[in-house]
Amino acid sequence: KKHASEIAIKAGSDMDMEGRAYEIALEELVKEGKVEEALIDDAVR
């Protein structure tokens, strides 16, 4: 799921419908430098 979250957010999937993937992975991926917080900001915006 963590790897899937990285792929999906980079591809442009903004909101996770009951996948329970983003909530467990995105924050950690940003802190590890694998996902830029700017991508998260774009989705949240």
ModelCIF file with pLDDT and N, C-alpha, C, O atoms, coordinates in Angstrom:
data_MODEL
#
_entry.id   MODEL 
#
_entity.id                         1 
_entity.type                       polymer 
_entity.pdbx_number_of_molecules   1 
#
_entity_poly.entity_id                      1 
_entity_poly.type                           'polypeptide(L)' 
_entity_poly.nstd_linkage                   no 
_entity_poly.nstd_monomer                   no 
_entity_poly.pdbx_seq_one_letter_code       KKHASEIAIKAGSDMDMEGRAYEIALEELVKEGKVEEALIDDAVR 
_entity_poly.pdbx_seq_one_letter_code_can   KKHASEIAIKAGSDMDMEGRAYEIALEELVKEGKVEEALIDDAVR 
_entity_poly.pdbx_strand_id                 A 
#
loop_
_entity_poly_seq.entity_id 
_entity_poly_seq.num 
_entity_poly_seq.mon_id 
_entity_poly_seq.hetero 
1 1  LYS n 
1 2  LYS n 
1 3  HIS n 
1 4  ALA n 
1 5  SER n 
1 6  GLU n 
1 7  ILE n 
1 8  ALA n 
1 9  ILE n 
1 10 LYS n 
1 11 ALA n 
1 12 GLY n 
1 13 SER n 
1 14 ASP n 
1 15 MET n 
1 16 ASP n 
1 17 MET n 
1 18 GLU n 
1 19 GLY n 
1 20 ARG n 
1 21 ALA n 
1 22 TYR n 
1 23 GLU n 
1 24 ILE n 
1 25 ALA n 
1 26 LEU n 
1 27 GLU n 
1 28 GLU n 
1 29 LEU n 
1 30 VAL n 
1 31 LYS n 
1 32 GLU n 
1 33 GLY n 
1 34 LYS n 
1 35 VAL n 
1 36 GLU n 
1 37 GLU n 
1 38 ALA n 
1 39 LEU n 
1 40 ILE n 
1 41 ASP n 
1 42 ASP n 
1 43 ALA n 
1 44 VAL n 
1 45 ARG n 
#
_struct_asym.id          A 
_struct_asym.entity_id   1 
#
loop_
_ma_qa_metric.id 
_ma_qa_metric.mode 
_ma_qa_metric.name 
_ma_qa_metric.software_group_id 
_ma_qa_metric.type 
1 global pLDDT . pLDDT 
2 local  pLDDT . pLDDT 
#
_ma_qa_metric_global.metric_id      1 
_ma_qa_metric_global.metric_value   97.67 
_ma_qa_metric_global.model_id       1 
_ma_qa_metric_global.ordinal_id     1 
#
loop_
_ma_qa_metric_local.label_asym_id 
_ma_qa_metric_local.label_comp_id 
_ma_qa_metric_local.label_seq_id 
_ma_qa_metric_local.metric_id 
_ma_qa_metric_local.metric_value 
_ma_qa_metric_local.model_id 
_ma_qa_metric_local.ordinal_id 
A LYS 1  2 98.00 1 1  
A LYS 2  2 98.00 1 2  
A HIS 3  2 98.00 1 3  
A ALA 4  2 98.00 1 4  
A SER 5  2 98.00 1 5  
A GLU 6  2 98.00 1 6  
A ILE 7  2 98.00 1 7  
A ALA 8  2 98.00 1 8  
A ILE 9  2 98.00 1 9  
A LYS 10 2 98.00 1 10 
A ALA 11 2 98.00 1 11 
A GLY 12 2 98.00 1 12 
A SER 13 2 98.00 1 13 
A ASP 14 2 98.00 1 14 
A MET 15 2 98.00 1 15 
A ASP 16 2 98.00 1 16 
A MET 17 2 98.00 1 17 
A GLU 18 2 94.00 1 18 
A GLY 19 2 93.00 1 19 
A ARG 20 2 95.00 1 20 
A ALA 21 2 97.00 1 21 
A TYR 22 2 98.00 1 22 
A GLU 23 2 97.00 1 23 
A ILE 24 2 97.00 1 24 
A ALA 25 2 98.00 1 25 
A LEU 26 2 98.00 1 26 
A GLU 27 2 98.00 1 27 
A GLU 28 2 98.00 1 28 
A LEU 29 2 98.00 1 29 
A VAL 30 2 98.00 1 30 
A LYS 31 2 98.00 1 31 
A GLU 32 2 98.00 1 32 
A GLY 33 2 98.00 1 33 
A LYS 34 2 98.00 1 34 
A VAL 35 2 98.00 1 35 
A GLU 36 2 98.00 1 36 
A GLU 37 2 98.00 1 37 
A ALA 38 2 98.00 1 38 
A LEU 39 2 98.00 1 39 
A ILE 40 2 98.00 1 40 
A ASP 41 2 98.00 1 41 
A ASP 42 2 98.00 1 42 
A ALA 43 2 98.00 1 43 
A VAL 44 2 98.00 1 44 
A ARG 45 2 98.00 1 45 
#
loop_
_atom_site.group_PDB 
_atom_site.id 
_atom_site.type_symbol 
_atom_site.label_atom_id 
_atom_site.label_alt_id 
_atom_site.label_comp_id 
_atom_site.label_asym_id 
_atom_site.label_entity_id 
_atom_site.label_seq_id 
_atom_site.pdbx_PDB_ins_code 
_atom_site.Cartn_x 
_atom_site.Cartn_y 
_atom_site.Cartn_z 
_atom_site.occupancy 
_atom_site.B_iso_or_equiv 
_atom_site.pdbx_formal_charge 
_atom_site.auth_seq_id 
_atom_site.auth_comp_id 
_atom_site.auth_asym_id 
_atom_site.auth_atom_id 
_atom_site.pdbx_PDB_model_num 
ATOM 1   N N  . LYS A 1 1  ? 0.810   -1.211 0.000   1.00 98.00 ? 1  LYS A N  1 
ATOM 2   C CA . LYS A 1 1  ? 0.000   0.000  0.000   1.00 98.00 ? 1  LYS A CA 1 
ATOM 3   C C  . LYS A 1 1  ? 0.849   1.270  0.000   1.00 98.00 ? 1  LYS A C  1 
ATOM 4   O O  . LYS A 1 1  ? 0.483   2.272  -0.613  1.00 98.00 ? 1  LYS A O  1 
ATOM 5   N N  . LYS A 1 2  ? 1.958   1.216  0.678   1.00 98.00 ? 2  LYS A N  1 
ATOM 6   C CA . LYS A 1 2  ? 2.827   2.389  0.723   1.00 98.00 ? 2  LYS A CA 1 
ATOM 7   C C  . LYS A 1 2  ? 3.364   2.710  -0.666  1.00 98.00 ? 2  LYS A C  1 
ATOM 8   O O  . LYS A 1 2  ? 3.341   3.858  -1.109  1.00 98.00 ? 2  LYS A O  1 
ATOM 9   N N  . HIS A 1 3  ? 3.842   1.684  -1.337  1.00 98.00 ? 3  HIS A N  1 
ATOM 10  C CA . HIS A 1 3  ? 4.342   1.868  -2.698  1.00 98.00 ? 3  HIS A CA 1 
ATOM 11  C C  . HIS A 1 3  ? 3.208   2.319  -3.619  1.00 98.00 ? 3  HIS A C  1 
ATOM 12  O O  . HIS A 1 3  ? 3.410   3.165  -4.490  1.00 98.00 ? 3  HIS A O  1 
ATOM 13  N N  . ALA A 1 4  ? 2.019   1.752  -3.423  1.00 98.00 ? 4  ALA A N  1 
ATOM 14  C CA . ALA A 1 4  ? 0.858   2.126  -4.232  1.00 98.00 ? 4  ALA A CA 1 
ATOM 15  C C  . ALA A 1 4  ? 0.498   3.592  -4.010  1.00 98.00 ? 4  ALA A C  1 
ATOM 16  O O  . ALA A 1 4  ? 0.145   4.292  -4.959  1.00 98.00 ? 4  ALA A O  1 
ATOM 17  N N  . SER A 1 5  ? 0.585   4.056  -2.779  1.00 98.00 ? 5  SER A N  1 
ATOM 18  C CA . SER A 1 5  ? 0.277   5.453  -2.472  1.00 98.00 ? 5  SER A CA 1 
ATOM 19  C C  . SER A 1 5  ? 1.250   6.393  -3.162  1.00 98.00 ? 5  SER A C  1 
ATOM 20  O O  . SER A 1 5  ? 0.856   7.441  -3.673  1.00 98.00 ? 5  SER A O  1 
ATOM 21  N N  . GLU A 1 6  ? 2.500   6.021  -3.174  1.00 98.00 ? 6  GLU A N  1 
ATOM 22  C CA . GLU A 1 6  ? 3.513   6.837  -3.848  1.00 98.00 ? 6  GLU A CA 1 
ATOM 23  C C  . GLU A 1 6  ? 3.198   6.967  -5.332  1.00 98.00 ? 6  GLU A C  1 
ATOM 24  O O  . GLU A 1 6  ? 3.264   8.059  -5.896  1.00 98.00 ? 6  GLU A O  1 
ATOM 25  N N  . ILE A 1 7  ? 2.857   5.848  -5.958  1.00 98.00 ? 7  ILE A N  1 
ATOM 26  C CA . ILE A 1 7  ? 2.549   5.853  -7.387  1.00 98.00 ? 7  ILE A CA 1 
ATOM 27  C C  . ILE A 1 7  ? 1.308   6.695  -7.662  1.00 98.00 ? 7  ILE A C  1 
ATOM 28  O O  . ILE A 1 7  ? 1.293   7.504  -8.589  1.00 98.00 ? 7  ILE A O  1 
ATOM 29  N N  . ALA A 1 8  ? 0.264   6.499  -6.849  1.00 98.00 ? 8  ALA A N  1 
ATOM 30  C CA . ALA A 1 8  ? -1.019  7.148  -7.102  1.00 98.00 ? 8  ALA A CA 1 
ATOM 31  C C  . ALA A 1 8  ? -0.953  8.656  -6.927  1.00 98.00 ? 8  ALA A C  1 
ATOM 32  O O  . ALA A 1 8  ? -1.490  9.388  -7.758  1.00 98.00 ? 8  ALA A O  1 
ATOM 33  N N  . ILE A 1 9  ? -0.306  9.145  -5.866  1.00 98.00 ? 9  ILE A N  1 
ATOM 34  C CA . ILE A 1 9  ? -0.260  10.592 -5.633  1.00 98.00 ? 9  ILE A CA 1 
ATOM 35  C C  . ILE A 1 9  ? 0.595   11.276 -6.695  1.00 98.00 ? 9  ILE A C  1 
ATOM 36  O O  . ILE A 1 9  ? 0.288   12.394 -7.111  1.00 98.00 ? 9  ILE A O  1 
ATOM 37  N N  . LYS A 1 10 ? 1.648   10.626 -7.131  1.00 98.00 ? 10 LYS A N  1 
ATOM 38  C CA . LYS A 1 10 ? 2.473   11.199 -8.192  1.00 98.00 ? 10 LYS A CA 1 
ATOM 39  C C  . LYS A 1 10 ? 1.709   11.241 -9.519  1.00 98.00 ? 10 LYS A C  1 
ATOM 40  O O  . LYS A 1 10 ? 1.919   12.133 -10.342 1.00 98.00 ? 10 LYS A O  1 
ATOM 41  N N  . ALA A 1 11 ? 0.819   10.261 -9.712  1.00 98.00 ? 11 ALA A N  1 
ATOM 42  C CA . ALA A 1 11 ? 0.049   10.197 -10.956 1.00 98.00 ? 11 ALA A CA 1 
ATOM 43  C C  . ALA A 1 11 ? -1.082  11.212 -10.990 1.00 98.00 ? 11 ALA A C  1 
ATOM 44  O O  . ALA A 1 11 ? -1.571  11.563 -12.064 1.00 98.00 ? 11 ALA A O  1 
ATOM 45  N N  . GLY A 1 12 ? -1.508  11.693 -9.805  1.00 98.00 ? 12 GLY A N  1 
ATOM 46  C CA . GLY A 1 12 ? -2.574  12.689 -9.789  1.00 98.00 ? 12 GLY A CA 1 
ATOM 47  C C  . GLY A 1 12 ? -3.869  12.242 -9.161  1.00 98.00 ? 12 GLY A C  1 
ATOM 48  O O  . GLY A 1 12 ? -4.876  12.939 -9.281  1.00 98.00 ? 12 GLY A O  1 
ATOM 49  N N  . SER A 1 13 ? -3.882  11.089 -8.487  1.00 98.00 ? 13 SER A N  1 
ATOM 50  C CA . SER A 1 13 ? -5.076  10.662 -7.744  1.00 98.00 ? 13 SER A CA 1 
ATOM 51  C C  . SER A 1 13 ? -5.120  11.442 -6.434  1.00 98.00 ? 13 SER A C  1 
ATOM 52  O O  . SER A 1 13 ? -4.215  11.323 -5.608  1.00 98.00 ? 13 SER A O  1 
ATOM 53  N N  . ASP A 1 14 ? -6.166  12.236 -6.242  1.00 98.00 ? 14 ASP A N  1 
ATOM 54  C CA . ASP A 1 14 ? -6.195  13.171 -5.120  1.00 98.00 ? 14 ASP A CA 1 
ATOM 55  C C  . ASP A 1 14 ? -6.787  12.591 -3.847  1.00 98.00 ? 14 ASP A C  1 
ATOM 56  O O  . ASP A 1 14 ? -6.214  12.765 -2.771  1.00 98.00 ? 14 ASP A O  1 
ATOM 57  N N  . MET A 1 15 ? -7.911  11.912 -3.943  1.00 98.00 ? 15 MET A N  1 
ATOM 58  C CA . MET A 1 15 ? -8.582  11.412 -2.742  1.00 98.00 ? 15 MET A CA 1 
ATOM 59  C C  . MET A 1 15 ? -8.750  9.898  -2.831  1.00 98.00 ? 15 MET A C  1 
ATOM 60  O O  . MET A 1 15 ? -9.107  9.361  -3.880  1.00 98.00 ? 15 MET A O  1 
ATOM 61  N N  . ASP A 1 16 ? -8.491  9.228  -1.730  1.00 98.00 ? 16 ASP A N  1 
ATOM 62  C CA . ASP A 1 16 ? -8.492  7.766  -1.641  1.00 98.00 ? 16 ASP A CA 1 
ATOM 63  C C  . ASP A 1 16 ? -9.833  7.288  -1.088  1.00 98.00 ? 16 ASP A C  1 
ATOM 64  O O  . ASP A 1 16 ? -10.128 7.488  0.091   1.00 98.00 ? 16 ASP A O  1 
ATOM 65  N N  . MET A 1 17 ? -10.648 6.654  -1.941  1.00 98.00 ? 17 MET A N  1 
ATOM 66  C CA . MET A 1 17 ? -11.948 6.145  -1.514  1.00 98.00 ? 17 MET A CA 1 
ATOM 67  C C  . MET A 1 17 ? -11.792 4.804  -0.796  1.00 98.00 ? 17 MET A C  1 
ATOM 68  O O  . MET A 1 17 ? -11.590 3.773  -1.437  1.00 98.00 ? 17 MET A O  1 
ATOM 69  N N  . GLU A 1 18 ? -11.886 4.823  0.506   1.00 94.00 ? 18 GLU A N  1 
ATOM 70  C CA . GLU A 1 18 ? -11.903 3.624  1.351   1.00 94.00 ? 18 GLU A CA 1 
ATOM 71  C C  . GLU A 1 18 ? -10.758 2.655  1.028   1.00 94.00 ? 18 GLU A C  1 
ATOM 72  O O  . GLU A 1 18 ? -10.890 1.447  1.226   1.00 94.00 ? 18 GLU A O  1 
ATOM 73  N N  . GLY A 1 19 ? -9.651  3.181  0.537   1.00 93.00 ? 19 GLY A N  1 
ATOM 74  C CA . GLY A 1 19 ? -8.517  2.308  0.248   1.00 93.00 ? 19 GLY A CA 1 
ATOM 75  C C  . GLY A 1 19 ? -7.596  2.127  1.438   1.00 93.00 ? 19 GLY A C  1 
ATOM 76  O O  . GLY A 1 19 ? -6.793  1.194  1.481   1.00 93.00 ? 19 GLY A O  1 
ATOM 77  N N  . ARG A 1 20 ? -7.718  3.033  2.410   1.00 95.00 ? 20 ARG A N  1 
ATOM 78  C CA . ARG A 1 20 ? -6.901  3.032  3.633   1.00 95.00 ? 20 ARG A CA 1 
ATOM 79  C C  . ARG A 1 20 ? -5.411  2.989  3.282   1.00 95.00 ? 20 ARG A C  1 
ATOM 80  O O  . ARG A 1 20 ? -4.609  2.386  3.995   1.00 95.00 ? 20 ARG A O  1 
ATOM 81  N N  . ALA A 1 21 ? -5.064  3.635  2.179   1.00 97.00 ? 21 ALA A N  1 
ATOM 82  C CA . ALA A 1 21 ? -3.666  3.655  1.727   1.00 97.00 ? 21 ALA A CA 1 
ATOM 83  C C  . ALA A 1 21 ? -3.001  4.985  2.056   1.00 97.00 ? 21 ALA A C  1 
ATOM 84  O O  . ALA A 1 21 ? -1.961  5.013  2.714   1.00 97.00 ? 21 ALA A O  1 
ATOM 85  N N  . TYR A 1 22 ? -3.600  6.097  1.599   1.00 98.00 ? 22 TYR A N  1 
ATOM 86  C CA . TYR A 1 22 ? -2.997  7.401  1.828   1.00 98.00 ? 22 TYR A CA 1 
ATOM 87  C C  . TYR A 1 22 ? -2.800  7.683  3.317   1.00 98.00 ? 22 TYR A C  1 
ATOM 88  O O  . TYR A 1 22 ? -1.767  8.222  3.714   1.00 98.00 ? 22 TYR A O  1 
ATOM 89  N N  . GLU A 1 23 ? -3.781  7.324  4.138   1.00 97.00 ? 23 GLU A N  1 
ATOM 90  C CA . GLU A 1 23 ? -3.706  7.681  5.551   1.00 97.00 ? 23 GLU A CA 1 
ATOM 91  C C  . GLU A 1 23 ? -2.559  6.981  6.278   1.00 97.00 ? 23 GLU A C  1 
ATOM 92  O O  . GLU A 1 23 ? -2.066  7.484  7.287   1.00 97.00 ? 23 GLU A O  1 
ATOM 93  N N  . ILE A 1 24 ? -2.133  5.824  5.770   1.00 97.00 ? 24 ILE A N  1 
ATOM 94  C CA . ILE A 1 24 ? -1.048  5.115  6.443   1.00 97.00 ? 24 ILE A CA 1 
ATOM 95  C C  . ILE A 1 24 ? 0.312   5.370  5.810   1.00 97.00 ? 24 ILE A C  1 
ATOM 96  O O  . ILE A 1 24 ? 1.340   4.989  6.371   1.00 97.00 ? 24 ILE A O  1 
ATOM 97  N N  . ALA A 1 25 ? 0.325   6.016  4.637   1.00 98.00 ? 25 ALA A N  1 
ATOM 98  C CA . ALA A 1 25 ? 1.585   6.055  3.894   1.00 98.00 ? 25 ALA A CA 1 
ATOM 99  C C  . ALA A 1 25 ? 2.075   7.441  3.492   1.00 98.00 ? 25 ALA A C  1 
ATOM 100 O O  . ALA A 1 25 ? 3.284   7.674  3.478   1.00 98.00 ? 25 ALA A O  1 
ATOM 101 N N  . LEU A 1 26 ? 1.181   8.366  3.167   1.00 98.00 ? 26 LEU A N  1 
ATOM 102 C CA . LEU A 1 26 ? 1.619   9.619  2.544   1.00 98.00 ? 26 LEU A CA 1 
ATOM 103 C C  . LEU A 1 26 ? 2.535   10.449 3.437   1.00 98.00 ? 26 LEU A C  1 
ATOM 104 O O  . LEU A 1 26 ? 3.555   10.966 2.981   1.00 98.00 ? 26 LEU A O  1 
ATOM 105 N N  . GLU A 1 27 ? 2.171   10.572 4.699   1.00 98.00 ? 27 GLU A N  1 
ATOM 106 C CA . GLU A 1 27 ? 2.985   11.388 5.593   1.00 98.00 ? 27 GLU A CA 1 
ATOM 107 C C  . GLU A 1 27 ? 4.403   10.835 5.682   1.00 98.00 ? 27 GLU A C  1 
ATOM 108 O O  . GLU A 1 27 ? 5.377   11.587 5.641   1.00 98.00 ? 27 GLU A O  1 
ATOM 109 N N  . GLU A 1 28 ? 4.508   9.549  5.799   1.00 98.00 ? 28 GLU A N  1 
ATOM 110 C CA . GLU A 1 28 ? 5.822   8.913  5.887   1.00 98.00 ? 28 GLU A CA 1 
ATOM 111 C C  . GLU A 1 28 ? 6.593   9.068  4.586   1.00 98.00 ? 28 GLU A C  1 
ATOM 112 O O  . GLU A 1 28 ? 7.806   9.275  4.607   1.00 98.00 ? 28 GLU A O  1 
ATOM 113 N N  . LEU A 1 29 ? 5.902   8.970  3.452   1.00 98.00 ? 29 LEU A N  1 
ATOM 114 C CA . LEU A 1 29 ? 6.558   9.111  2.151   1.00 98.00 ? 29 LEU A CA 1 
ATOM 115 C C  . LEU A 1 29 ? 7.141   10.511 1.977   1.00 98.00 ? 29 LEU A C  1 
ATOM 116 O O  . LEU A 1 29 ? 8.220   10.669 1.406   1.00 98.00 ? 29 LEU A O  1 
ATOM 117 N N  . VAL A 1 30 ? 6.427   11.531 2.472   1.00 98.00 ? 30 VAL A N  1 
ATOM 118 C CA . VAL A 1 30 ? 6.938   12.900 2.401   1.00 98.00 ? 30 VAL A CA 1 
ATOM 119 C C  . VAL A 1 30 ? 8.171   13.054 3.287   1.00 98.00 ? 30 VAL A C  1 
ATOM 120 O O  . VAL A 1 30 ? 9.169   13.640 2.871   1.00 98.00 ? 30 VAL A O  1 
ATOM 121 N N  . LYS A 1 31 ? 8.102   12.535 4.489   1.00 98.00 ? 31 LYS A N  1 
ATOM 122 C CA . LYS A 1 31 ? 9.225   12.657 5.425   1.00 98.00 ? 31 LYS A CA 1 
ATOM 123 C C  . LYS A 1 31 ? 10.460  11.916 4.924   1.00 98.00 ? 31 LYS A C  1 
ATOM 124 O O  . LYS A 1 31 ? 11.588  12.309 5.222   1.00 98.00 ? 31 LYS A O  1 
ATOM 125 N N  . GLU A 1 32 ? 10.246  10.849 4.166   1.00 98.00 ? 32 GLU A N  1 
ATOM 126 C CA . GLU A 1 32 ? 11.365  10.092 3.602   1.00 98.00 ? 32 GLU A CA 1 
ATOM 127 C C  . GLU A 1 32 ? 11.905  10.725 2.328   1.00 98.00 ? 32 GLU A C  1 
ATOM 128 O O  . GLU A 1 32 ? 12.921  10.274 1.799   1.00 98.00 ? 32 GLU A O  1 
ATOM 129 N N  . GLY A 1 33 ? 11.249  11.754 1.832   1.00 98.00 ? 33 GLY A N  1 
ATOM 130 C CA . GLY A 1 33 ? 11.692  12.421 0.617   1.00 98.00 ? 33 GLY A CA 1 
ATOM 131 C C  . GLY A 1 33 ? 11.278  11.719 -0.662  1.00 98.00 ? 33 GLY A C  1 
ATOM 132 O O  . GLY A 1 33 ? 11.761  12.067 -1.740  1.00 98.00 ? 33 GLY A O  1 
ATOM 133 N N  . LYS A 1 34 ? 10.390  10.733 -0.563  1.00 98.00 ? 34 LYS A N  1 
ATOM 134 C CA . LYS A 1 34 ? 9.951   10.003 -1.756  1.00 98.00 ? 34 LYS A CA 1 
ATOM 135 C C  . LYS A 1 34 ? 8.805   10.708 -2.479  1.00 98.00 ? 34 LYS A C  1 
ATOM 136 O O  . LYS A 1 34 ? 8.591   10.493 -3.672  1.00 98.00 ? 34 LYS A O  1 
ATOM 137 N N  . VAL A 1 35 ? 8.078   11.543 -1.756  1.00 98.00 ? 35 VAL A N  1 
ATOM 138 C CA . VAL A 1 35 ? 6.983   12.327 -2.331  1.00 98.00 ? 35 VAL A CA 1 
ATOM 139 C C  . VAL A 1 35 ? 7.159   13.775 -1.905  1.00 98.00 ? 35 VAL A C  1 
ATOM 140 O O  . VAL A 1 35 ? 7.346   14.052 -0.720  1.00 98.00 ? 35 VAL A O  1 
ATOM 141 N N  . GLU A 1 36 ? 7.101   14.698 -2.851  1.00 98.00 ? 36 GLU A N  1 
ATOM 142 C CA . GLU A 1 36 ? 7.211   16.109 -2.530  1.00 98.00 ? 36 GLU A CA 1 
ATOM 143 C C  . GLU A 1 36 ? 5.916   16.596 -1.885  1.00 98.00 ? 36 GLU A C  1 
ATOM 144 O O  . GLU A 1 36 ? 4.819   16.249 -2.322  1.00 98.00 ? 36 GLU A O  1 
ATOM 145 N N  . GLU A 1 37 ? 6.063   17.407 -0.839  1.00 98.00 ? 37 GLU A N  1 
ATOM 146 C CA . GLU A 1 37 ? 4.878   17.917 -0.166  1.00 98.00 ? 37 GLU A CA 1 
ATOM 147 C C  . GLU A 1 37 ? 4.058   18.797 -1.106  1.00 98.00 ? 37 GLU A C  1 
ATOM 148 O O  . GLU A 1 37 ? 2.855   18.966 -0.907  1.00 98.00 ? 37 GLU A O  1 
ATOM 149 N N  . ALA A 1 38 ? 4.693   19.350 -2.114  1.00 98.00 ? 38 ALA A N  1 
ATOM 150 C CA . ALA A 1 38 ? 3.960   20.166 -3.090  1.00 98.00 ? 38 ALA A CA 1 
ATOM 151 C C  . ALA A 1 38 ? 2.871   19.361 -3.792  1.00 98.00 ? 38 ALA A C  1 
ATOM 152 O O  . ALA A 1 38 ? 1.831   19.914 -4.151  1.00 98.00 ? 38 ALA A O  1 
ATOM 153 N N  . LEU A 1 39 ? 3.095   18.058 -3.992  1.00 98.00 ? 39 LEU A N  1 
ATOM 154 C CA . LEU A 1 39 ? 2.072   17.203 -4.597  1.00 98.00 ? 39 LEU A CA 1 
ATOM 155 C C  . LEU A 1 39 ? 0.882   17.052 -3.655  1.00 98.00 ? 39 LEU A C  1 
ATOM 156 O O  . LEU A 1 39 ? -0.268  17.063 -4.092  1.00 98.00 ? 39 LEU A O  1 
ATOM 157 N N  . ILE A 1 40 ? 1.163   16.912 -2.368  1.00 98.00 ? 40 ILE A N  1 
ATOM 158 C CA . ILE A 1 40 ? 0.098   16.832 -1.375  1.00 98.00 ? 40 ILE A CA 1 
ATOM 159 C C  . ILE A 1 40 ? -0.673  18.151 -1.363  1.00 98.00 ? 40 ILE A C  1 
ATOM 160 O O  . ILE A 1 40 ? -1.903  18.160 -1.332  1.00 98.00 ? 40 ILE A O  1 
ATOM 161 N N  . ASP A 1 41 ? 0.060   19.261 -1.388  1.00 98.00 ? 41 ASP A N  1 
ATOM 162 C CA . ASP A 1 41 ? -0.572  20.576 -1.374  1.00 98.00 ? 41 ASP A CA 1 
ATOM 163 C C  . ASP A 1 41 ? -1.509  20.761 -2.566  1.00 98.00 ? 41 ASP A C  1 
ATOM 164 O O  . ASP A 1 41 ? -2.607  21.298 -2.423  1.00 98.00 ? 41 ASP A O  1 
ATOM 165 N N  . ASP A 1 42 ? -1.072  20.318 -3.732  1.00 98.00 ? 42 ASP A N  1 
ATOM 166 C CA . ASP A 1 42 ? -1.908  20.456 -4.926  1.00 98.00 ? 42 ASP A CA 1 
ATOM 167 C C  . ASP A 1 42 ? -3.213  19.684 -4.764  1.00 98.00 ? 42 ASP A C  1 
ATOM 168 O O  . ASP A 1 42 ? -4.283  20.191 -5.100  1.00 98.00 ? 42 ASP A O  1 
ATOM 169 N N  . ALA A 1 43 ? -3.125  18.471 -4.254  1.00 98.00 ? 43 ALA A N  1 
ATOM 170 C CA . ALA A 1 43 ? -4.323  17.655 -4.064  1.00 98.00 ? 43 ALA A CA 1 
ATOM 171 C C  . ALA A 1 43 ? -5.254  18.281 -3.030  1.00 98.00 ? 43 ALA A C  1 
ATOM 172 O O  . ALA A 1 43 ? -6.464  18.353 -3.245  1.00 98.00 ? 43 ALA A O  1 
ATOM 173 N N  . VAL A 1 44 ? -4.695  18.730 -1.914  1.00 98.00 ? 44 VAL A N  1 
ATOM 174 C CA . VAL A 1 44 ? -5.508  19.334 -0.856  1.00 98.00 ? 44 VAL A CA 1 
ATOM 175 C C  . VAL A 1 44 ? -6.146  20.626 -1.350  1.00 98.00 ? 44 VAL A C  1 
ATOM 176 O O  . VAL A 1 44 ? -7.311  20.901 -1.064  1.00 98.00 ? 44 VAL A O  1 
ATOM 177 N N  . ARG A 1 45 ? -5.384  21.409 -2.088  1.00 98.00 ? 45 ARG A N  1 
ATOM 178 C CA . ARG A 1 45 ? -5.913  22.662 -2.623  1.00 98.00 ? 45 ARG A CA 1 
ATOM 179 C C  . ARG A 1 45 ? -7.155  22.399 -3.476  1.00 98.00 ? 45 ARG A C  1 
ATOM 180 O O  . ARG A 1 45 ? -7.744  23.337 -4.014  1.00 98.00 ? 45 ARG A O  1 
#
